[in-house]
PDB file of N, CA and C in Angstrom:
ATOM      1  N   UNK A   1      78.388  65.905  92.423  1.00  0.00           N
ATOM      2  CA  UNK A   1      79.328  66.243  93.207  1.00  0.00           C
ATOM      3  C   UNK A   1      80.008  67.771  92.975  1.00  0.00           C
ATOM      4  N   UNK A   2      79.693  69.038  92.990  1.00  0.00           N
ATOM      5  CA  UNK A   2      80.365  70.118  92.370  1.00  0.00           C
ATOM      6  C   UNK A   2      81.924  70.478  93.463  1.00  0.00           C
ATOM      7  N   UNK A   3      82.451  70.270  93.088  1.00  0.00           N
ATOM      8  CA  UNK A   3      83.843  70.379  93.265  1.00  0.00           C
ATOM      9  C   UNK A   3      84.461  71.676  93.854  1.00  0.00           C
ATOM     10  N   UNK A   4      84.063  72.453  94.283  1.00  0.00           N
ATOM     11  CA  UNK A   4      83.896  73.845  94.874  1.00  0.00           C
ATOM     12  C   UNK A   4      83.180  73.649  96.126  1.00  0.00           C
ATOM     13  N   UNK A   5      82.401  72.277  96.376  1.00  0.00           N
ATOM     14  CA  UNK A   5      81.752  72.282  97.821  1.00  0.00           C
ATOM     15  C   UNK A   5      82.003  70.759  97.973  1.00  0.00           C
ATOM     16  N   UNK A   6      83.530  70.629  97.991  1.00  0.00           N
ATOM     17  CA  UNK A   6      83.640  69.257  98.813  1.00  0.00           C
ATOM     18  C   UNK A   6      85.705  69.684  99.278  1.00  0.00           C
ATOM     19  N   UNK A   7      85.439  69.433 100.365  1.00  0.00           N
ATOM     20  CA  UNK A   7      86.456  69.454 101.423  1.00  0.00           C
ATOM     21  C   UNK A   7      87.819  68.866 100.622  1.00  0.00           C
ATOM     22  N   UNK A   8      88.521  69.444 101.522  1.00  0.00           N
ATOM     23  CA  UNK A   8      90.623  67.975 101.515  1.00  0.00           C
ATOM     24  C   UNK A   8      90.249  66.796 101.111  1.00  0.00           C
ATOM     25  N   UNK A   9      89.154  66.337 102.222  1.00  0.00           N
ATOM     26  CA  UNK A   9      88.691  64.854 102.863  1.00  0.00           C
ATOM     27  C   UNK A   9      87.979  64.895 102.256  1.00  0.00           C
ATOM     28  N   UNK A  10      86.733  65.449 101.415  1.00  0.00           N
ATOM     29  CA  UNK A  10      85.644  64.611 100.077  1.00  0.00           C
ATOM     30  C   UNK A  10      84.779  65.221 101.098  1.00  0.00           C
ATOM     31  N   UNK A  11      84.303  65.371 102.060  1.00  0.00           N
ATOM     32  CA  UNK A  11      82.840  65.753 102.597  1.00  0.00           C
ATOM     33  C   UNK A  11      82.440  67.508 102.755  1.00  0.00           C
ATOM     34  N   UNK A  12      81.044  67.075 102.179  1.00  0.00           N
ATOM     35  CA  UNK A  12      81.019  68.321 102.410  1.00  0.00           C
ATOM     36  C   UNK A  12      80.753  69.688 103.634  1.00  0.00           C
ATOM     37  N   UNK A  13      80.585  70.569 104.152  1.00  0.00           N
ATOM     38  CA  UNK A  13      79.881  71.145 105.054  1.00  0.00           C
ATOM     39  C   UNK A  13      78.319  71.444 105.522  1.00  0.00           C
ATOM     40  N   UNK A  14      77.873  71.260 106.109  1.00  0.00           N
ATOM     41  CA  UNK A  14      76.854  71.479 106.499  1.00  0.00           C
ATOM     42  C   UNK A  14      76.068  72.714 105.593  1.00  0.00           C
ATOM     43  N   UNK A  15      77.013  73.883 106.096  1.00  0.00           N
ATOM     44  CA  UNK A  15      76.907  75.057 105.429  1.00  0.00           C
ATOM     45  C   UNK A  15      76.505  74.808 103.351  1.00  0.00           C
ATOM     46  N   UNK A  16      77.210  73.844 102.833  1.00  0.00           N
ATOM     47  CA  UNK A  16      77.531  74.196 101.616  1.00  0.00           C
ATOM     48  C   UNK A  16      76.430  73.344 101.326  1.00  0.00           C
ATOM     49  N   UNK A  17      75.626  71.992 102.070  1.00  0.00           N
ATOM     50  CA  UNK A  17      74.601  71.499 101.807  1.00  0.00           C
ATOM     51  C   UNK A  17      73.551  72.020 101.557  1.00  0.00           C
ATOM     52  N   UNK A  18      73.158  72.798 102.843  1.00  0.00           N
ATOM     53  CA  UNK A  18      72.186  74.016 103.181  1.00  0.00           C
ATOM     54  C   UNK A  18      72.006  74.488 101.326  1.00  0.00           C
ATOM     55  N   UNK A  19      73.176  75.014 101.425  1.00  0.00           N
ATOM     56  CA  UNK A  19      73.357  75.995  99.974  1.00  0.00           C
ATOM     57  C   UNK A  19      73.226  75.189  98.754  1.00  0.00           C
ATOM     58  N   UNK A  20      73.189  74.070  98.864  1.00  0.00           N
ATOM     59  CA  UNK A  20      72.934  73.086  97.637  1.00  0.00           C
ATOM     60  C   UNK A  20      71.637  73.111  97.593  1.00  0.00           C
ATOM     61  N   UNK A  21      70.570  72.478  98.323  1.00  0.00           N
ATOM     62  CA  UNK A  21      69.711  72.701  98.406  1.00  0.00           C
ATOM     63  C   UNK A  21      68.277  73.657  98.340  1.00  0.00           C
ATOM     64  N   UNK A  22      68.808  75.052  99.104  1.00  0.00           N
ATOM     65  CA  UNK A  22      68.607  76.416  98.675  1.00  0.00           C
ATOM     66  C   UNK A  22      68.623  76.558  97.079  1.00  0.00           C
ATOM     67  N   UNK A  23      69.087  76.117  96.678  1.00  0.00           N
ATOM     68  CA  UNK A  23      69.442  76.356  95.379  1.00  0.00           C
ATOM     69  C   UNK A  23      68.472  75.309  94.479  1.00  0.00           C
ATOM     70  N   UNK A  24      68.232  74.252  94.684  1.00  0.00           N
ATOM     71  CA  UNK A  24      68.040  72.920  94.435  1.00  0.00           C
ATOM     72  C   UNK A  24      66.399  73.522  94.308  1.00  0.00           C
ATOM     73  N   UNK A  25      66.036  74.308  94.600  1.00  0.00           N
ATOM     74  CA  UNK A  25      64.509  74.564  95.606  1.00  0.00           C
ATOM     75  C   UNK A  25      64.521  75.932  94.640  1.00  0.00           C
ATOM     76  N   UNK A  26      64.960  76.636  94.817  1.00  0.00           N
ATOM     77  CA  UNK A  26      65.207  77.738  93.953  1.00  0.00           C
ATOM     78  C   UNK A  26      65.017  77.803  92.204  1.00  0.00           C
ATOM     79  N   UNK A  27      65.495  76.562  91.018  1.00  0.00           N
ATOM     80  CA  UNK A  27      65.681  75.946  90.219  1.00  0.00           C
ATOM     81  C   UNK A  27      66.617  77.181  89.552  1.00  0.00           C
ATOM     82  N   UNK A  28      66.336  76.961  87.899  1.00  0.00           N
ATOM     83  CA  UNK A  28      67.016  77.558  87.142  1.00  0.00           C
ATOM     84  C   UNK A  28      66.408  79.808  87.479  1.00  0.00           C
ATOM     85  N   UNK A  29      67.472  80.594  87.386  1.00  0.00           N
ATOM     86  CA  UNK A  29      66.864  81.941  87.839  1.00  0.00           C
ATOM     87  C   UNK A  29      66.841  82.048  89.225  1.00  0.00           C
ATOM     88  N   UNK A  30      66.575  81.389  89.268  1.00  0.00           N
ATOM     89  CA  UNK A  30      66.424  81.718  90.719  1.00  0.00           C
ATOM     90  C   UNK A  30      64.966  82.037  91.315  1.00  0.00           C
ATOM     91  N   UNK A  31      64.315  81.524  90.742  1.00  0.00           N
ATOM     92  CA  UNK A  31      63.020  81.412  90.859  1.00  0.00           C
ATOM     93  C   UNK A  31      62.652  79.867  91.505  1.00  0.00           C
ATOM     94  N   UNK A  32      61.703  80.214  92.571  1.00  0.00           N
ATOM     95  CA  UNK A  32      61.267  79.325  93.485  1.00  0.00           C
ATOM     96  C   UNK A  32      61.077  78.304  92.563  1.00  0.00           C
ATOM     97  N   UNK A  33      61.012  76.901  92.753  1.00  0.00           N
ATOM     98  CA  UNK A  33      60.216  75.706  92.320  1.00  0.00           C
ATOM     99  C   UNK A  33      59.530  75.401  92.688  1.00  0.00           C
ATOM    100  N   UNK A  34      58.165  75.189  92.121  1.00  0.00           N
ATOM    101  CA  UNK A  34      57.010  74.317  92.450  1.00  0.00           C
ATOM    102  C   UNK A  34      56.758  73.274  92.817  1.00  0.00           C
ATOM    103  N   UNK A  35      57.242  72.616  91.792  1.00  0.00           N
ATOM    104  CA  UNK A  35      57.583  71.169  91.990  1.00  0.00           C
ATOM    105  C   UNK A  35      58.784  70.446  92.101  1.00  0.00           C
ATOM    106  N   UNK A  36      59.458  69.740  92.417  1.00  0.00           N
ATOM    107  CA  UNK A  36      60.981  68.730  92.011  1.00  0.00           C
ATOM    108  C   UNK A  36      60.428  67.872  91.046  1.00  0.00           C
ATOM    109  N   UNK A  37      61.026  67.093  89.921  1.00  0.00           N
ATOM    110  CA  UNK A  37      61.104  66.314  89.568  1.00  0.00           C
ATOM    111  C   UNK A  37      61.610  64.937  90.073  1.00  0.00           C
ATOM    112  N   UNK A  38      61.462  64.116  89.258  1.00  0.00           N
ATOM    113  CA  UNK A  38      61.415  63.176  89.836  1.00  0.00           C
ATOM    114  C   UNK A  38      63.389  62.747  90.236  1.00  0.00           C
ATOM    115  N   UNK A  39      63.908  63.137  89.414  1.00  0.00           N
ATOM    116  CA  UNK A  39      65.801  63.603  89.571  1.00  0.00           C
ATOM    117  C   UNK A  39      66.225  64.584  90.664  1.00  0.00           C
ATOM    118  N   UNK A  40      65.539  65.127  90.182  1.00  0.00           N
ATOM    119  CA  UNK A  40      65.674  66.656  91.465  1.00  0.00           C
ATOM    120  C   UNK A  40      65.644  65.698  93.342  1.00  0.00           C
ATOM    121  N   UNK A  41      64.124  65.196  92.846  1.00  0.00           N
ATOM    122  CA  UNK A  41      63.817  64.970  94.422  1.00  0.00           C
ATOM    123  C   UNK A  41      64.572  63.897  94.672  1.00  0.00           C
ATOM    124  N   UNK A  42      65.287  62.783  93.811  1.00  0.00           N
ATOM    125  CA  UNK A  42      66.404  62.516  94.216  1.00  0.00           C
ATOM    126  C   UNK A  42      67.535  62.797  94.711  1.00  0.00           C
ATOM    127  N   UNK A  43      67.332  64.387  94.665  1.00  0.00           N
ATOM    128  CA  UNK A  43      68.548  64.051  94.652  1.00  0.00           C
ATOM    129  C   UNK A  43      68.431  65.079  96.178  1.00  0.00           C
ATOM    130  N   UNK A  44      67.571  65.777  96.266  1.00  0.00           N
ATOM    131  CA  UNK A  44      67.223  66.668  97.274  1.00  0.00           C
ATOM    132  C   UNK A  44      67.526  65.501  98.678  1.00  0.00           C
ATOM    133  N   UNK A  45      66.708  64.236  98.412  1.00  0.00           N
ATOM    134  CA  UNK A  45      66.982  63.097  99.432  1.00  0.00           C
ATOM    135  C   UNK A  45      68.269  63.037  99.870  1.00  0.00           C
ATOM    136  N   UNK A  46      69.136  62.794  99.112  1.00  0.00           N
ATOM    137  CA  UNK A  46      70.776  62.324  99.406  1.00  0.00           C
ATOM    138  C   UNK A  46      71.142  63.936  99.807  1.00  0.00           C
ATOM    139  N   UNK A  47      70.493  64.487  99.279  1.00  0.00           N
ATOM    140  CA  UNK A  47      71.494  66.128  99.746  1.00  0.00           C
ATOM    141  C   UNK A  47      70.706  66.291 101.604  1.00  0.00           C
ATOM    142  N   UNK A  48      69.854  65.912 101.571  1.00  0.00           N
ATOM    143  CA  UNK A  48      69.006  65.581 102.933  1.00  0.00           C
ATOM    144  C   UNK A  48      70.277  64.342 103.980  1.00  0.00           C
ATOM    145  N   UNK A  49      70.240  63.287 103.336  1.00  0.00           N
ATOM    146  CA  UNK A  49      70.887  62.299 104.066  1.00  0.00           C
ATOM    147  C   UNK A  49      72.079  62.665 103.979  1.00  0.00           C
ATOM    148  N   UNK A  50      72.680  63.164 103.054  1.00  0.00           N
ATOM    149  CA  UNK A  50      74.097  63.710 103.606  1.00  0.00           C
ATOM    150  C   UNK A  50      74.152  64.799 104.618  1.00  0.00           C
ATOM    151  N   UNK A  51      73.351  65.572 104.552  1.00  0.00           N
ATOM    152  CA  UNK A  51      73.151  67.043 105.804  1.00  0.00           C
ATOM    153  C   UNK A  51      73.468  66.141 106.967  1.00  0.00           C
ATOM    154  N   UNK A  52      72.857  65.287 107.547  1.00  0.00           N
ATOM    155  CA  UNK A  52      72.339  64.917 108.417  1.00  0.00           C
ATOM    156  C   UNK A  52      73.541  63.691 109.221  1.00  0.00           C
ATOM    157  N   UNK A  53      74.524  63.158 108.311  1.00  0.00           N
ATOM    158  CA  UNK A  53      75.529  62.825 108.420  1.00  0.00           C
ATOM    159  C   UNK A  53      76.664  63.642 108.828  1.00  0.00           C
ATOM    160  N   UNK A  54      76.619  64.838 107.949  1.00  0.00           N
ATOM    161  CA  UNK A  54      77.526  66.086 108.654  1.00  0.00           C
ATOM    162  C   UNK A  54      77.234  66.057 109.819  1.00  0.00           C
ATOM    163  N   UNK A  55      75.795  67.265 110.228  1.00  0.00           N
ATOM    164  CA  UNK A  55      75.645  67.199 111.536  1.00  0.00           C
ATOM    165  C   UNK A  55      75.634  66.181 112.523  1.00  0.00           C
ATOM    166  N   UNK A  56      75.263  65.123 112.475  1.00  0.00           N
ATOM    167  CA  UNK A  56      75.732  64.033 113.923  1.00  0.00           C
ATOM    168  C   UNK A  56      77.489  63.755 113.563  1.00  0.00           C
ATOM    169  N   UNK A  57      78.316  64.037 112.317  1.00  0.00           N
ATOM    170  CA  UNK A  57      79.492  64.248 112.985  1.00  0.00           C
ATOM    171  C   UNK A  57      80.392  65.147 113.803  1.00  0.00           C
ATOM    172  N   UNK A  58      79.154  66.051 113.313  1.00  0.00           N
ATOM    173  CA  UNK A  58      79.661  67.949 114.220  1.00  0.00           C
ATOM    174  C   UNK A  58      79.081  67.365 115.428  1.00  0.00           C
ATOM    175  N   UNK A  59      78.572  67.020 115.730  1.00  0.00           N
ATOM    176  CA  UNK A  59      77.665  66.803 117.183  1.00  0.00           C
ATOM    177  C   UNK A  59      78.827  65.329 118.426  1.00  0.00           C
ATOM    178  N   UNK A  60      79.248  64.516 117.154  1.00  0.00           N
ATOM    179  CA  UNK A  60      80.352  63.718 118.033  1.00  0.00           C
ATOM    180  C   UNK A  60      81.848  64.500 118.126  1.00  0.00           C
ATOM    181  N   UNK A  61      82.006  65.438 117.540  1.00  0.00           N
ATOM    182  CA  UNK A  61      83.030  65.944 117.305  1.00  0.00           C
ATOM    183  C   UNK A  61      83.053  67.114 118.508  1.00  0.00           C
ATOM    184  N   UNK A  62      82.257  67.466 118.313  1.00  0.00           N
ATOM    185  CA  UNK A  62      82.081  68.894 119.610  1.00  0.00           C
ATOM    186  C   UNK A  62      81.843  68.638 120.518  1.00  0.00           C
ATOM    187  N   UNK A  63      81.611  66.739 121.003  1.00  0.00           N
ATOM    188  CA  UNK A  63      81.295  66.511 121.951  1.00  0.00           C
ATOM    189  C   UNK A  63      82.968  65.652 122.951  1.00  0.00           C
TER     190      UNK A  63
END
């Protein structure tokens, strides 16, 4: 986890996670990646799971 994407409590925001997902899909040089390799795919699914947790937390805090 990149230190610049972590808040003081160790949780990334939805915006930060979305940016990390975009960067993963863009690949090196900012060009869209046609396919993700196995490691990138695992990272993608981990980021999505983390994003879902953040979104659920945000909904609970809003309520």
